[in-house]
Amino acid sequence: MPVSWTFDDIPDQRGRTAVVTGASSGLGLVAAGQLAARGATVVMAVRDPAKADQARAGIAGDLVVRRLDLADLDSVREFAAELRAEGRQVDLLLNNAGIAKSGHERSAQGYESVFATNHLGHFALTGLLLDLFRPDRDPRVVTVGSGFYRLLRGGPDLDDLTGGSAAAEPVPYIRSKQANALFGVELDRRLRRAGSPVRSLLAHPGMARTPMNRRYDNAGEWAVTRIGGLLLARSSESGTVPLLYAATAPTAETGVFHGPPLFRWGNRVHARPVVAPADDRALAARLWQVSEEATGVRYLDDVSASAA
């Protein structure tokens, strides 16, 4: 059943530390501000620290800015090493940052940049921070996906991470969102089998009015987005509600997709089943293996995805 839930329902976050990627604007900035307002220490993990410093100036609470470029695996390792050197422990990782278009660019390690940013960077970050999670404070990883993951059959192209096939937009974005969904569910399966207290949850904002969704390559894109936005697009604040529900609500579940209703005037949080291709366990296991090989970050390997 859909749940009526607002920012006012966020539990007390005092004593908790949250890492929020993409926290300098849009959903990430709203999430960082709401968590800090309820007492959390928030690490704003951002590509542009100067921009984040400006944004932080308008937010009350304990927020620190750290540089993180998810498209560069060296930056991901440096970020994790910095938190470790500072002696930080983590209670919440909100894997929120993402890009929608690449212009057929590649990451620092040569991977297609949308897939590298949206999935590979977060896969590596999660693994590098996992041993920093405190076991006794409801530790959670929340991966932000998109309902668009259902629009393509077959899942991400795991045979070509470089984007050599030059798929037309928005195919790379949808494939990256399929990877997010597969990863979020597979991570929770492996955590459960390992007996870990950390939970992995999935959430999406629906169509939210964020900077990522205000970039158009042509008049056709503008028209489709504008018309769709009149019916579907919600504010960044409204789009962040399902993310923070997954991040903080005692009733949030694993193995489902937390999101808003379809039309923008609805505000309840829906927990919908994860469907194809994200419910394919064999595909999830292969994505995990390919991601480990691509990033060099290995974790929860002793818990086979084929077991159980």
Protein backbone atom coordinates (compact mmCIF):
# COMPACT_ATOMS: atom_id res chain seq x y z
CA MET A 1 0.00 0.00 0.00
CA PRO A 2 1.24 3.54 -0.73
CA VAL A 3 2.50 5.39 2.34
CA SER A 4 1.75 9.00 3.23
CA TRP A 5 5.15 10.31 4.26
CA THR A 6 6.81 13.74 4.26
CA PHE A 7 10.09 15.28 5.39
CA ASP A 8 8.42 15.91 8.77
CA ASP A 9 8.42 12.13 9.27
CA ILE A 10 12.22 11.78 9.01
CA PRO A 11 13.42 10.22 12.28
CA ASP A 12 16.01 11.95 14.45
CA GLN A 13 19.37 11.64 12.69
CA ARG A 14 21.61 12.87 15.50
CA GLY A 15 24.77 10.79 15.80
CA ARG A 16 24.47 9.45 12.24
CA THR A 17 26.82 10.16 9.33
CA ALA A 18 25.48 10.23 5.79
CA VAL A 19 27.46 10.32 2.55
CA VAL A 20 25.42 11.86 -0.26
CA THR A 21 26.83 11.81 -3.79
CA GLY A 22 25.86 14.64 -6.13
CA ALA A 23 24.98 16.83 -3.15
CA SER A 24 25.73 20.23 -4.71
CA SER A 25 22.39 20.55 -6.53
CA GLY A 26 19.02 18.95 -7.21
CA LEU A 27 17.93 15.89 -5.28
CA GLY A 28 21.28 15.46 -3.54
CA LEU A 29 21.28 18.99 -2.19
CA VAL A 30 17.73 18.64 -0.88
CA ALA A 31 18.59 15.30 0.74
CA ALA A 32 21.75 16.70 2.34
CA GLY A 33 19.85 19.66 3.76
CA GLN A 34 17.02 17.56 5.18
CA LEU A 35 19.37 15.05 6.79
CA ALA A 36 21.50 17.82 8.30
CA ALA A 37 18.40 19.60 9.60
CA ARG A 38 17.59 16.50 11.61
CA GLY A 39 21.04 16.24 13.14
CA ALA A 40 23.06 14.07 10.77
CA THR A 41 26.63 14.82 9.82
CA VAL A 42 26.48 14.96 6.03
CA VAL A 43 29.46 14.41 3.75
CA MET A 44 28.64 16.18 0.49
CA ALA A 45 30.47 14.08 -2.11
CA VAL A 46 30.71 16.30 -5.18
CA ARG A 47 32.63 16.83 -8.38
CA ASP A 48 32.85 20.63 -7.89
CA PRO A 49 33.70 21.53 -4.25
CA ALA A 50 33.45 25.27 -4.90
CA LYS A 51 29.86 24.89 -6.08
CA ALA A 52 29.06 22.71 -3.08
CA ASP A 53 30.63 25.24 -0.69
CA GLN A 54 28.31 27.89 -2.10
CA ALA A 55 25.30 25.61 -1.68
CA ARG A 56 26.35 24.61 1.83
CA ALA A 57 26.43 28.26 2.92
CA GLY A 58 22.64 28.36 2.74
CA ILE A 59 22.07 25.20 4.79
CA ALA A 60 22.07 24.87 8.56
CA GLY A 61 23.73 21.88 10.14
CA ASP A 62 26.90 19.82 10.09
CA LEU A 63 27.89 19.47 6.43
CA VAL A 64 31.37 18.86 5.04
CA VAL A 65 32.36 18.99 1.39
CA ARG A 66 34.65 16.38 -0.16
CA ARG A 67 35.60 16.02 -3.80
CA LEU A 68 34.40 12.93 -5.64
CA ASP A 69 34.37 12.38 -9.41
CA LEU A 70 32.49 9.13 -9.95
CA ALA A 71 33.69 8.96 -13.56
CA ASP A 72 37.28 8.61 -12.33
CA LEU A 73 37.97 5.51 -10.25
CA ASP A 74 41.16 7.09 -8.90
CA SER A 75 39.01 9.88 -7.46
CA VAL A 76 36.68 7.32 -5.89
CA ARG A 77 39.62 5.63 -4.18
CA GLU A 78 40.99 8.98 -3.01
CA PHE A 79 37.62 9.95 -1.56
CA ALA A 80 37.29 6.67 0.36
CA ALA A 81 40.88 6.95 1.60
CA GLU A 82 40.22 10.50 2.82
CA LEU A 83 37.20 9.42 4.87
CA ARG A 84 39.24 6.57 6.31
CA ALA A 85 42.11 8.89 7.20
CA GLU A 86 39.66 11.23 8.94
CA GLY A 87 38.43 8.32 11.04
CA ARG A 88 34.87 8.70 9.78
CA GLN A 89 32.30 6.00 10.17
CA VAL A 90 29.24 5.78 7.94
CA ASP A 91 25.59 5.02 8.62
CA LEU A 92 24.04 5.96 5.28
CA LEU A 93 25.35 6.04 1.74
CA LEU A 94 22.99 7.72 -0.71
CA ASN A 95 24.17 6.82 -4.21
CA ASN A 96 22.40 9.72 -5.88
CA ALA A 97 24.72 11.41 -8.39
CA GLY A 98 24.17 10.77 -12.06
CA ILE A 99 24.34 12.11 -15.58
CA ALA A 100 21.90 11.54 -18.42
CA LYS A 101 24.02 12.32 -21.49
CA SER A 102 27.63 11.73 -22.39
CA GLY A 103 28.13 13.08 -25.89
CA HIS A 104 29.81 9.69 -26.46
CA GLU A 105 32.55 10.64 -24.01
CA ARG A 106 34.55 8.14 -22.00
CA SER A 107 35.58 8.09 -18.37
CA ALA A 108 39.13 8.47 -17.09
CA GLN A 109 39.50 4.69 -17.33
CA GLY A 110 38.00 4.49 -20.82
CA TYR A 111 34.44 3.40 -20.05
CA GLU A 112 31.30 4.96 -21.50
CA SER A 113 30.82 7.94 -19.20
CA VAL A 114 27.14 7.56 -18.29
CA PHE A 115 27.59 3.94 -17.24
CA ALA A 116 30.86 4.81 -15.50
CA THR A 117 29.32 7.66 -13.51
CA ASN A 118 25.93 6.20 -12.72
CA HIS A 119 26.97 2.62 -11.99
CA LEU A 120 30.69 1.81 -11.91
CA GLY A 121 31.63 4.74 -9.69
CA HIS A 122 28.90 3.92 -7.19
CA PHE A 123 29.71 0.20 -7.28
CA ALA A 124 33.32 0.98 -6.39
CA LEU A 125 32.40 3.58 -3.78
CA THR A 126 30.02 1.21 -2.00
CA GLY A 127 32.67 -1.50 -1.80
CA LEU A 128 35.37 0.86 -0.59
CA LEU A 129 33.16 2.28 2.19
CA LEU A 130 31.43 -0.92 3.29
CA ASP A 131 33.74 -1.67 6.20
CA LEU A 132 33.22 1.87 7.55
CA PHE A 133 29.53 1.25 8.27
CA ARG A 134 28.57 1.06 11.92
CA PRO A 135 26.58 -2.11 12.63
CA ASP A 136 24.29 -0.70 15.30
CA ARG A 137 22.74 2.40 13.67
CA ASP A 138 20.47 0.98 11.00
CA PRO A 139 23.14 1.14 8.27
CA ARG A 140 21.78 1.57 4.75
CA VAL A 141 22.91 1.98 1.17
CA VAL A 142 20.29 3.65 -1.02
CA THR A 143 20.83 3.55 -4.77
CA VAL A 144 18.85 6.04 -6.82
CA GLY A 145 17.44 4.53 -9.99
CA SER A 146 14.76 5.37 -12.50
CA GLY A 147 11.51 3.79 -13.58
CA PHE A 148 12.95 3.97 -17.10
CA TYR A 149 14.88 0.77 -16.37
CA ARG A 150 11.86 -1.18 -17.65
CA LEU A 151 11.92 0.40 -21.11
CA LEU A 152 14.63 -1.78 -22.67
CA ARG A 153 14.88 -5.54 -22.80
CA GLY A 154 18.02 -7.46 -22.09
CA GLY A 155 19.71 -5.19 -19.57
CA PRO A 156 23.01 -3.30 -19.85
CA ASP A 157 25.51 -4.25 -22.53
CA LEU A 158 28.11 -6.03 -20.42
CA ASP A 159 30.19 -7.00 -23.44
CA ASP A 160 31.03 -3.39 -24.31
CA LEU A 161 31.59 -0.98 -21.41
CA THR A 162 33.45 1.49 -23.61
CA GLY A 163 30.41 2.60 -25.58
CA GLY A 164 31.99 1.54 -28.82
CA SER A 165 28.58 0.73 -30.25
CA ALA A 166 27.65 4.42 -29.86
CA ALA A 167 24.04 3.76 -28.88
CA ALA A 168 21.69 6.67 -29.41
CA GLU A 169 20.32 8.64 -26.47
CA PRO A 170 18.68 7.79 -24.14
CA VAL A 171 19.83 4.15 -24.41
CA PRO A 172 23.07 4.59 -22.38
CA TYR A 173 21.13 6.29 -19.59
CA ILE A 174 18.47 3.57 -19.46
CA ARG A 175 21.14 0.87 -19.41
CA SER A 176 22.88 2.61 -16.52
CA LYS A 177 19.59 2.72 -14.62
CA GLN A 178 19.11 -0.99 -15.28
CA ALA A 179 22.54 -1.50 -13.75
CA ASN A 180 21.52 0.59 -10.72
CA ALA A 181 18.46 -1.58 -10.14
CA LEU A 182 20.33 -4.85 -10.66
CA PHE A 183 23.11 -3.67 -8.34
CA GLY A 184 20.79 -2.48 -5.57
CA VAL A 185 18.94 -5.79 -5.38
CA GLU A 186 22.06 -7.94 -5.79
CA LEU A 187 23.89 -5.96 -3.12
CA ASP A 188 21.13 -6.65 -0.62
CA ARG A 189 21.11 -10.37 -1.50
CA ARG A 190 24.84 -10.59 -0.86
CA LEU A 191 24.68 -8.55 2.34
CA ARG A 192 21.93 -10.83 3.68
CA ARG A 193 23.92 -13.96 2.87
CA ALA A 194 26.97 -12.48 4.54
CA GLY A 195 24.97 -11.76 7.68
CA SER A 196 25.68 -8.04 7.38
CA PRO A 197 23.52 -5.50 9.22
CA VAL A 198 23.78 -3.15 6.22
CA ARG A 199 20.67 -3.02 4.04
CA SER A 200 20.53 -2.03 0.38
CA LEU A 201 17.43 -0.19 -0.81
CA LEU A 202 16.28 1.23 -4.15
CA ALA A 203 14.44 4.49 -4.75
CA HIS A 204 13.62 6.81 -7.62
CA PRO A 205 12.30 10.38 -7.80
CA GLY A 206 9.97 10.00 -10.75
CA MET A 207 10.43 12.82 -13.24
CA ALA A 208 11.89 15.59 -11.10
CA ARG A 209 12.80 19.12 -12.09
CA THR A 210 16.57 18.92 -11.56
CA PRO A 211 19.51 20.42 -13.49
CA MET A 212 20.07 17.04 -15.18
CA ASN A 213 16.58 17.22 -16.70
CA ARG A 214 16.93 20.75 -18.04
CA ARG A 215 19.43 20.01 -20.79
CA TYR A 216 18.12 19.64 -24.33
CA ASP A 217 19.98 18.82 -27.53
CA ASN A 218 17.21 19.92 -29.87
CA ALA A 219 13.71 21.40 -30.07
CA GLY A 220 12.12 17.95 -30.14
CA GLU A 221 13.67 17.00 -26.82
CA TRP A 222 12.54 20.31 -25.35
CA ALA A 223 8.96 19.77 -26.53
CA VAL A 224 8.70 16.19 -25.24
CA THR A 225 10.23 17.12 -21.89
CA ARG A 226 8.08 20.22 -21.57
CA ILE A 227 4.82 18.44 -22.34
CA GLY A 228 5.70 15.46 -20.15
CA GLY A 229 6.73 17.82 -17.41
CA LEU A 230 3.32 19.42 -17.22
CA LEU A 231 1.86 16.06 -16.20
CA LEU A 232 4.74 14.23 -14.57
CA ALA A 233 7.53 16.54 -13.39
CA ARG A 234 7.63 17.22 -9.69
CA SER A 235 9.87 19.58 -7.73
CA SER A 236 13.26 18.48 -6.48
CA GLU A 237 11.81 18.51 -2.97
CA SER A 238 8.93 16.22 -3.96
CA GLY A 239 11.28 13.94 -5.91
CA THR A 240 13.55 13.59 -2.89
CA VAL A 241 10.79 12.27 -0.61
CA PRO A 242 11.04 8.62 -1.78
CA LEU A 243 14.84 8.75 -1.51
CA LEU A 244 14.74 9.90 2.10
CA TYR A 245 11.94 7.47 2.89
CA ALA A 246 14.24 4.65 1.73
CA ALA A 247 17.14 6.21 3.62
CA THR A 248 15.46 6.77 6.97
CA ALA A 249 11.96 5.33 7.39
CA PRO A 250 11.72 2.30 9.71
CA THR A 251 9.11 0.79 7.38
CA ALA A 252 11.23 1.01 4.19
CA GLU A 253 11.75 -2.38 2.58
CA THR A 254 14.51 -3.99 0.57
CA GLY A 255 13.84 -5.76 -2.71
CA VAL A 256 11.35 -3.16 -3.96
CA PHE A 257 11.51 0.18 -5.78
CA HIS A 258 10.42 3.13 -3.63
CA GLY A 259 9.04 5.95 -5.74
CA PRO A 260 6.30 8.53 -6.17
CA PRO A 261 3.00 8.09 -7.99
CA LEU A 262 3.08 8.60 -11.74
CA PHE A 263 1.49 12.03 -11.86
CA ARG A 264 3.14 14.97 -10.17
CA TRP A 265 0.19 15.92 -7.95
CA GLY A 266 0.44 12.70 -5.92
CA ASN A 267 2.70 12.62 -2.86
CA ARG A 268 2.52 9.12 -1.43
CA VAL A 269 5.51 6.77 -1.53
CA HIS A 270 4.87 3.58 -3.47
CA ALA A 271 6.88 0.36 -3.01
CA ARG A 272 6.69 -1.40 -6.38
CA PRO A 273 8.08 -4.84 -7.25
CA VAL A 274 11.37 -4.97 -9.12
CA VAL A 275 10.61 -6.32 -12.60
CA ALA A 276 12.54 -7.40 -15.70
CA PRO A 277 15.34 -7.05 -16.44
CA ALA A 278 16.31 -6.08 -12.88
CA ASP A 279 14.85 -9.27 -11.42
CA ASP A 280 17.25 -11.48 -13.41
CA ARG A 281 19.61 -13.03 -10.85
CA ALA A 282 21.99 -14.43 -13.45
CA LEU A 283 22.29 -11.02 -15.10
CA ALA A 284 22.84 -9.39 -11.70
CA ALA A 285 25.62 -11.87 -10.89
CA ARG A 286 27.30 -11.20 -14.23
CA LEU A 287 27.01 -7.43 -13.75
CA TRP A 288 28.69 -7.83 -10.35
CA GLN A 289 31.56 -9.80 -11.84
CA VAL A 290 32.03 -7.39 -14.75
CA SER A 291 31.90 -4.42 -12.36
CA GLU A 292 34.57 -5.93 -10.15
CA GLU A 293 36.80 -6.50 -13.16
CA ALA A 294 36.23 -2.99 -14.49
CA THR A 295 36.80 -1.19 -11.18
CA GLY A 296 39.29 -3.48 -9.45
CA VAL A 297 37.11 -3.26 -6.33
CA ARG A 298 36.04 -6.67 -5.02
CA TYR A 299 33.71 -7.28 -2.12
CA LEU A 300 31.16 -9.83 -0.89
CA ASP A 301 32.71 -12.29 -3.34
CA ASP A 302 32.63 -15.14 -0.90
CA VAL A 303 28.85 -14.98 -1.00
CA SER A 304 27.93 -16.39 -4.38
CA ALA A 305 24.93 -14.84 -6.09
CA SER A 306 24.00 -18.28 -7.34
CA ALA A 307 23.82 -19.68 -3.83
CA ALA A 308 20.64 -19.93 -1.81
